């Protein structure tokens, strides 16, 4: 497996060091990404005081992710509120509600439905002039900022697991790994449209500028 979110919480394996069964590969822990994104967003837009967090309540892990988001926001002295997106039909209402509640920035908690609508979410955030952050793919789709794993490094690492298995290793004996390389991207077209200039600390962290 590769690019799998929290293999333990999802019940795929019980232990990363000795996964057992017939599965190995890599996994990531979304709460850590949720926390890091909010920290990066606050660093990039330090004046933010009210944050909207978009999440799918039908995802069984959403409550955990939201708890992380709200905890980190509080530590940064930012008021945060969750907005429920079950499917694309919710988006217009979500952004109208954000405007009414004077939300100043948006963070996304990834879910299949949210990922499938990255482009539309990015467009609505831009329309409302809200800086936003999600996975790196979100920045590719037009979101202002994206932070996440270096997918290419993960896919290359798959070959190492395959090589070990083909040489006789049992998958369940091969420790599951976590990403060690990350990307932090900015969409320059969106930044220009928002009249956003990244502070020096943010510029130094960036690994990619999407033109």
C-alpha atoms as a PDB file:
ATOM      1  CA  UNK A   1       0.000   0.000   0.000  1.00  0.00           C
ATOM      2  CA  UNK A   2       1.063   3.600  -0.563  1.00  0.00           C
ATOM      3  CA  UNK A   3      -0.418   6.985   0.270  1.00  0.00           C
ATOM      4  CA  UNK A   4      -2.847   5.419   2.758  1.00  0.00           C
ATOM      5  CA  UNK A   5      -4.221   7.578   5.553  1.00  0.00           C
ATOM      6  CA  UNK A   6      -3.715   6.275   9.107  1.00  0.00           C
ATOM      7  CA  UNK A   7      -3.553   2.547   8.473  1.00  0.00           C
ATOM      8  CA  UNK A   8      -3.952   1.821  12.191  1.00  0.00           C
ATOM      9  CA  UNK A   9      -7.054   3.968  12.784  1.00  0.00           C
ATOM     10  CA  UNK A  10      -8.599   2.569   9.607  1.00  0.00           C
ATOM     11  CA  UNK A  11      -8.073  -0.989  10.846  1.00  0.00           C
ATOM     12  CA  UNK A  12      -5.774  -2.035   8.012  1.00  0.00           C
ATOM     13  CA  UNK A  13      -3.009  -3.024  10.452  1.00  0.00           C
ATOM     14  CA  UNK A  14      -2.635  -3.007  14.226  1.00  0.00           C
ATOM     15  CA  UNK A  15       1.044  -2.087  14.469  1.00  0.00           C
ATOM     16  CA  UNK A  16       3.363  -0.168  12.149  1.00  0.00           C
ATOM     17  CA  UNK A  17       6.552  -1.884  13.281  1.00  0.00           C
ATOM     18  CA  UNK A  18       5.159  -5.384  12.749  1.00  0.00           C
ATOM     19  CA  UNK A  19       2.028  -5.073  10.625  1.00  0.00           C
ATOM     20  CA  UNK A  20       1.430  -8.825  10.424  1.00  0.00           C
ATOM     21  CA  UNK A  21      -0.884 -10.330   7.843  1.00  0.00           C
ATOM     22  CA  UNK A  22      -0.071  -9.656   4.213  1.00  0.00           C
ATOM     23  CA  UNK A  23       0.245  -5.866   4.098  1.00  0.00           C
ATOM     24  CA  UNK A  24       3.119  -3.389   4.245  1.00  0.00           C
ATOM     25  CA  UNK A  25       4.016  -0.078   2.623  1.00  0.00           C
ATOM     26  CA  UNK A  26       3.579   3.478   3.845  1.00  0.00           C
ATOM     27  CA  UNK A  27       0.941   5.455   5.682  1.00  0.00           C
ATOM     28  CA  UNK A  28       0.432   9.029   6.828  1.00  0.00           C
ATOM     29  CA  UNK A  29      -1.385  10.509   9.801  1.00  0.00           C
ATOM     30  CA  UNK A  30      -3.799  13.207   8.706  1.00  0.00           C
ATOM     31  CA  UNK A  31      -4.094  14.939  12.110  1.00  0.00           C
ATOM     32  CA  UNK A  32      -0.431  15.888  11.808  1.00  0.00           C
ATOM     33  CA  UNK A  33      -1.051  17.406   8.379  1.00  0.00           C
ATOM     34  CA  UNK A  34      -4.158  19.206   9.628  1.00  0.00           C
ATOM     35  CA  UNK A  35      -2.144  20.769  12.429  1.00  0.00           C
ATOM     36  CA  UNK A  36       0.782  21.717  10.208  1.00  0.00           C
ATOM     37  CA  UNK A  37      -1.451  23.311   7.569  1.00  0.00           C
ATOM     38  CA  UNK A  38      -3.173  25.544  10.080  1.00  0.00           C
ATOM     39  CA  UNK A  39       0.199  26.599  11.469  1.00  0.00           C
ATOM     40  CA  UNK A  40       1.464  27.373   7.962  1.00  0.00           C
ATOM     41  CA  UNK A  41      -1.692  29.281   7.061  1.00  0.00           C
ATOM     42  CA  UNK A  42      -1.420  31.399  10.204  1.00  0.00           C
ATOM     43  CA  UNK A  43       2.243  32.068   9.471  1.00  0.00           C
ATOM     44  CA  UNK A  44       1.418  33.072   5.896  1.00  0.00           C
ATOM     45  CA  UNK A  45      -1.560  35.234   6.891  1.00  0.00           C
ATOM     46  CA  UNK A  46      -0.778  36.346  10.455  1.00  0.00           C
ATOM     47  CA  UNK A  47      -3.768  38.697  10.654  1.00  0.00           C
ATOM     48  CA  UNK A  48      -6.228  35.785  10.461  1.00  0.00           C
ATOM     49  CA  UNK A  49      -8.463  35.605  13.526  1.00  0.00           C
ATOM     50  CA  UNK A  50     -11.389  33.489  12.275  1.00  0.00           C
ATOM     51  CA  UNK A  51     -10.800  30.181  10.473  1.00  0.00           C
ATOM     52  CA  UNK A  52     -13.276  27.990   8.630  1.00  0.00           C
ATOM     53  CA  UNK A  53     -12.502  24.261   8.528  1.00  0.00           C
ATOM     54  CA  UNK A  54     -14.277  22.302   5.797  1.00  0.00           C
ATOM     55  CA  UNK A  55     -14.794  18.599   6.522  1.00  0.00           C
ATOM     56  CA  UNK A  56     -17.083  15.713   5.591  1.00  0.00           C
ATOM     57  CA  UNK A  57     -19.097  14.598   8.651  1.00  0.00           C
ATOM     58  CA  UNK A  58     -19.805  11.244   6.989  1.00  0.00           C
ATOM     59  CA  UNK A  59     -16.125  10.318   7.264  1.00  0.00           C
ATOM     60  CA  UNK A  60     -15.750   8.346  10.539  1.00  0.00           C
ATOM     61  CA  UNK A  61     -12.399  10.001  11.309  1.00  0.00           C
ATOM     62  CA  UNK A  62     -13.581  13.579  10.795  1.00  0.00           C
ATOM     63  CA  UNK A  63     -14.355  14.194  14.480  1.00  0.00           C
ATOM     64  CA  UNK A  64     -10.741  13.381  15.385  1.00  0.00           C
ATOM     65  CA  UNK A  65      -9.396  15.638  12.642  1.00  0.00           C
ATOM     66  CA  UNK A  66     -11.662  18.513  13.634  1.00  0.00           C
ATOM     67  CA  UNK A  67     -10.598  18.193  17.253  1.00  0.00           C
ATOM     68  CA  UNK A  68      -6.991  18.577  16.119  1.00  0.00           C
ATOM     69  CA  UNK A  69      -7.857  21.573  13.933  1.00  0.00           C
ATOM     70  CA  UNK A  70      -9.697  23.392  16.714  1.00  0.00           C
ATOM     71  CA  UNK A  71      -6.968  22.629  19.253  1.00  0.00           C
ATOM     72  CA  UNK A  72      -4.218  24.013  17.030  1.00  0.00           C
ATOM     73  CA  UNK A  73      -6.299  27.065  16.132  1.00  0.00           C
ATOM     74  CA  UNK A  74      -6.844  27.813  19.821  1.00  0.00           C
ATOM     75  CA  UNK A  75      -3.116  27.565  20.477  1.00  0.00           C
ATOM     76  CA  UNK A  76      -2.610  30.188  17.756  1.00  0.00           C
ATOM     77  CA  UNK A  77      -5.366  32.400  19.208  1.00  0.00           C
ATOM     78  CA  UNK A  78      -7.568  31.828  16.187  1.00  0.00           C
ATOM     79  CA  UNK A  79     -11.311  31.153  16.467  1.00  0.00           C
ATOM     80  CA  UNK A  80     -12.236  28.158  14.307  1.00  0.00           C
ATOM     81  CA  UNK A  81     -15.515  26.715  13.116  1.00  0.00           C
ATOM     82  CA  UNK A  82     -16.255  23.526  11.203  1.00  0.00           C
ATOM     83  CA  UNK A  83     -18.357  23.558   8.040  1.00  0.00           C
ATOM     84  CA  UNK A  84     -19.924  20.289   6.873  1.00  0.00           C
ATOM     85  CA  UNK A  85     -19.519  19.241   3.261  1.00  0.00           C
ATOM     86  CA  UNK A  86     -21.175  15.962   2.401  1.00  0.00           C
ATOM     87  CA  UNK A  87     -21.143  16.607  -1.342  1.00  0.00           C
ATOM     88  CA  UNK A  88     -20.712  19.416  -3.858  1.00  0.00           C
ATOM     89  CA  UNK A  89     -24.262  20.684  -3.328  1.00  0.00           C
ATOM     90  CA  UNK A  90     -23.211  21.980   0.088  1.00  0.00           C
ATOM     91  CA  UNK A  91     -20.481  24.272  -1.186  1.00  0.00           C
ATOM     92  CA  UNK A  92     -22.461  27.404  -2.080  1.00  0.00           C
ATOM     93  CA  UNK A  93     -24.151  27.330   1.316  1.00  0.00           C
ATOM     94  CA  UNK A  94     -20.858  26.739   3.108  1.00  0.00           C
ATOM     95  CA  UNK A  95     -19.179  29.754   1.576  1.00  0.00           C
ATOM     96  CA  UNK A  96     -22.232  31.949   2.065  1.00  0.00           C
ATOM     97  CA  UNK A  97     -22.198  30.944   5.720  1.00  0.00           C
ATOM     98  CA  UNK A  98     -18.484  31.690   5.974  1.00  0.00           C
ATOM     99  CA  UNK A  99     -19.098  35.194   4.679  1.00  0.00           C
ATOM    100  CA  UNK A 100     -21.935  35.710   7.153  1.00  0.00           C
ATOM    101  CA  UNK A 101     -19.709  34.527  10.003  1.00  0.00           C
ATOM    102  CA  UNK A 102     -16.821  36.719   8.816  1.00  0.00           C
ATOM    103  CA  UNK A 103     -14.445  33.819   8.283  1.00  0.00           C
ATOM    104  CA  UNK A 104     -11.058  35.103   7.133  1.00  0.00           C
ATOM    105  CA  UNK A 105      -9.308  31.933   5.912  1.00  0.00           C
ATOM    106  CA  UNK A 106     -10.119  28.310   5.054  1.00  0.00           C
ATOM    107  CA  UNK A 107      -8.461  24.966   5.815  1.00  0.00           C
ATOM    108  CA  UNK A 108      -9.589  21.706   4.234  1.00  0.00           C
ATOM    109  CA  UNK A 109      -9.691  18.296   5.876  1.00  0.00           C
ATOM    110  CA  UNK A 110      -9.286  15.874   3.014  1.00  0.00           C
ATOM    111  CA  UNK A 111     -11.928  13.344   2.130  1.00  0.00           C
ATOM    112  CA  UNK A 112     -12.782  11.764  -1.230  1.00  0.00           C
ATOM    113  CA  UNK A 113     -15.667  14.189  -1.798  1.00  0.00           C
ATOM    114  CA  UNK A 114     -13.577  17.219  -0.900  1.00  0.00           C
ATOM    115  CA  UNK A 115     -10.663  16.089  -3.063  1.00  0.00           C
ATOM    116  CA  UNK A 116     -13.024  15.569  -6.001  1.00  0.00           C
ATOM    117  CA  UNK A 117     -14.144  19.191  -5.650  1.00  0.00           C
ATOM    118  CA  UNK A 118     -10.782  20.885  -5.087  1.00  0.00           C
ATOM    119  CA  UNK A 119     -11.206  23.063  -8.173  1.00  0.00           C
ATOM    120  CA  UNK A 120     -14.632  24.333  -7.229  1.00  0.00           C
ATOM    121  CA  UNK A 121     -13.621  24.934  -3.611  1.00  0.00           C
ATOM    122  CA  UNK A 122     -10.574  26.890  -4.764  1.00  0.00           C
ATOM    123  CA  UNK A 123     -12.773  28.965  -7.071  1.00  0.00           C
ATOM    124  CA  UNK A 124     -15.256  29.788  -4.317  1.00  0.00           C
ATOM    125  CA  UNK A 125     -12.473  30.668  -1.885  1.00  0.00           C
ATOM    126  CA  UNK A 126     -11.001  33.041  -4.456  1.00  0.00           C
ATOM    127  CA  UNK A 127     -14.409  34.530  -5.205  1.00  0.00           C
ATOM    128  CA  UNK A 128     -14.848  35.275  -1.487  1.00  0.00           C
ATOM    129  CA  UNK A 129     -11.226  36.447  -1.286  1.00  0.00           C
ATOM    130  CA  UNK A 130     -10.333  33.860   1.331  1.00  0.00           C
ATOM    131  CA  UNK A 131      -6.776  32.498   1.612  1.00  0.00           C
ATOM    132  CA  UNK A 132      -6.990  28.724   1.845  1.00  0.00           C
ATOM    133  CA  UNK A 133      -4.874  25.619   2.316  1.00  0.00           C
ATOM    134  CA  UNK A 134      -5.229  21.893   1.625  1.00  0.00           C
ATOM    135  CA  UNK A 135      -3.135  19.067   0.193  1.00  0.00           C
ATOM    136  CA  UNK A 136      -0.555  19.993  -2.455  1.00  0.00           C
ATOM    137  CA  UNK A 137      -3.059  18.945  -5.128  1.00  0.00           C
ATOM    138  CA  UNK A 138      -5.345  21.675  -3.850  1.00  0.00           C
ATOM    139  CA  UNK A 139      -2.790  24.335  -4.767  1.00  0.00           C
ATOM    140  CA  UNK A 140      -2.479  22.711  -8.211  1.00  0.00           C
ATOM    141  CA  UNK A 141      -6.256  23.036  -8.537  1.00  0.00           C
ATOM    142  CA  UNK A 142      -6.171  26.759  -7.764  1.00  0.00           C
ATOM    143  CA  UNK A 143      -6.066  26.933  -3.962  1.00  0.00           C
ATOM    144  CA  UNK A 144      -3.644  29.444  -2.509  1.00  0.00           C
ATOM    145  CA  UNK A 145      -1.502  27.009  -0.485  1.00  0.00           C
ATOM    146  CA  UNK A 146      -0.939  23.267  -0.388  1.00  0.00           C
ATOM    147  CA  UNK A 147       1.026  21.121   2.039  1.00  0.00           C
ATOM    148  CA  UNK A 148       1.497  17.373   2.085  1.00  0.00           C
ATOM    149  CA  UNK A 149       3.626  14.403   1.185  1.00  0.00           C
ATOM    150  CA  UNK A 150       6.061  14.282  -1.701  1.00  0.00           C
ATOM    151  CA  UNK A 151       4.058  11.736  -3.717  1.00  0.00           C
ATOM    152  CA  UNK A 152       6.884  10.967  -6.141  1.00  0.00           C
ATOM    153  CA  UNK A 153       9.173   9.990  -3.255  1.00  0.00           C
ATOM    154  CA  UNK A 154       6.465   7.677  -1.885  1.00  0.00           C
ATOM    155  CA  UNK A 155       5.876   5.988  -5.237  1.00  0.00           C
ATOM    156  CA  UNK A 156       9.595   5.432  -5.709  1.00  0.00           C
ATOM    157  CA  UNK A 157       9.768   3.919  -2.240  1.00  0.00           C
ATOM    158  CA  UNK A 158       7.156   1.339  -3.269  1.00  0.00           C
ATOM    159  CA  UNK A 159       9.847  -0.330  -5.389  1.00  0.00           C
ATOM    160  CA  UNK A 160      11.876  -1.021  -2.243  1.00  0.00           C
ATOM    161  CA  UNK A 161       8.963  -2.873  -0.637  1.00  0.00           C
ATOM    162  CA  UNK A 162       8.291  -4.835  -3.808  1.00  0.00           C
ATOM    163  CA  UNK A 163      11.970  -5.787  -4.080  1.00  0.00           C
ATOM    164  CA  UNK A 164      12.027  -7.129  -0.505  1.00  0.00           C
ATOM    165  CA  UNK A 165       8.862  -9.159  -1.037  1.00  0.00           C
ATOM    166  CA  UNK A 166      10.085 -10.624  -4.327  1.00  0.00           C
ATOM    167  CA  UNK A 167      13.276 -11.666  -2.525  1.00  0.00           C
ATOM    168  CA  UNK A 168      11.241 -13.654  -0.003  1.00  0.00           C
ATOM    169  CA  UNK A 169      10.425 -11.265   2.824  1.00  0.00           C
ATOM    170  CA  UNK A 170       6.973 -11.605   4.409  1.00  0.00           C
ATOM    171  CA  UNK A 171       4.994  -8.355   4.025  1.00  0.00           C
ATOM    172  CA  UNK A 172       3.803  -8.601   7.622  1.00  0.00           C
ATOM    173  CA  UNK A 173       7.397  -8.531   8.851  1.00  0.00           C
ATOM    174  CA  UNK A 174       8.356  -5.365   6.946  1.00  0.00           C
ATOM    175  CA  UNK A 175       7.749  -2.226   9.048  1.00  0.00           C
ATOM    176  CA  UNK A 176       5.294   0.260   7.609  1.00  0.00           C
ATOM    177  CA  UNK A 177       6.951   3.587   6.910  1.00  0.00           C
ATOM    178  CA  UNK A 178       5.790   7.185   7.213  1.00  0.00           C
ATOM    179  CA  UNK A 179       6.600   9.999   4.759  1.00  0.00           C
ATOM    180  CA  UNK A 180       9.857  11.826   5.340  1.00  0.00           C
ATOM    181  CA  UNK A 181       9.703  14.294   2.447  1.00  0.00           C
ATOM    182  CA  UNK A 182       7.047  16.984   2.156  1.00  0.00           C
ATOM    183  CA  UNK A 183       5.934  19.660  -0.280  1.00  0.00           C
ATOM    184  CA  UNK A 184       4.698  23.166   0.464  1.00  0.00           C
ATOM    185  CA  UNK A 185       3.295  24.854  -2.621  1.00  0.00           C
ATOM    186  CA  UNK A 186       1.790  28.220  -3.496  1.00  0.00           C
ATOM    187  CA  UNK A 187      -0.387  29.006  -6.497  1.00  0.00           C
ATOM    188  CA  UNK A 188       1.053  32.248  -7.829  1.00  0.00           C
ATOM    189  CA  UNK A 189      -1.951  33.084 -10.013  1.00  0.00           C
ATOM    190  CA  UNK A 190      -4.236  32.836  -6.986  1.00  0.00           C
ATOM    191  CA  UNK A 191      -1.793  34.805  -4.847  1.00  0.00           C
ATOM    192  CA  UNK A 192      -1.799  37.598  -7.418  1.00  0.00           C
ATOM    193  CA  UNK A 193      -5.595  37.608  -7.618  1.00  0.00           C
ATOM    194  CA  UNK A 194      -5.787  37.876  -3.812  1.00  0.00           C
ATOM    195  CA  UNK A 195      -3.044  40.529  -3.741  1.00  0.00           C
ATOM    196  CA  UNK A 196      -1.260  38.143  -1.379  1.00  0.00           C
ATOM    197  CA  UNK A 197       2.449  38.486  -0.724  1.00  0.00           C
ATOM    198  CA  UNK A 198       3.953  35.656   1.272  1.00  0.00           C
ATOM    199  CA  UNK A 199       6.042  36.740   4.260  1.00  0.00           C
ATOM    200  CA  UNK A 200       9.703  35.776   4.255  1.00  0.00           C
ATOM    201  CA  UNK A 201       9.207  32.854   6.667  1.00  0.00           C
ATOM    202  CA  UNK A 202       6.653  31.338   4.299  1.00  0.00           C
ATOM    203  CA  UNK A 203       8.769  31.922   1.203  1.00  0.00           C
ATOM    204  CA  UNK A 204      11.687  30.109   2.822  1.00  0.00           C
ATOM    205  CA  UNK A 205       9.510  27.056   3.498  1.00  0.00           C
ATOM    206  CA  UNK A 206       8.076  26.786  -0.024  1.00  0.00           C
ATOM    207  CA  UNK A 207       9.244  23.901  -2.174  1.00  0.00           C
ATOM    208  CA  UNK A 208       7.225  24.823  -5.273  1.00  0.00           C
ATOM    209  CA  UNK A 209       5.631  27.889  -6.835  1.00  0.00           C
ATOM    210  CA  UNK A 210       2.843  26.990  -9.251  1.00  0.00           C
ATOM    211  CA  UNK A 211       2.777  29.459 -12.112  1.00  0.00           C
END
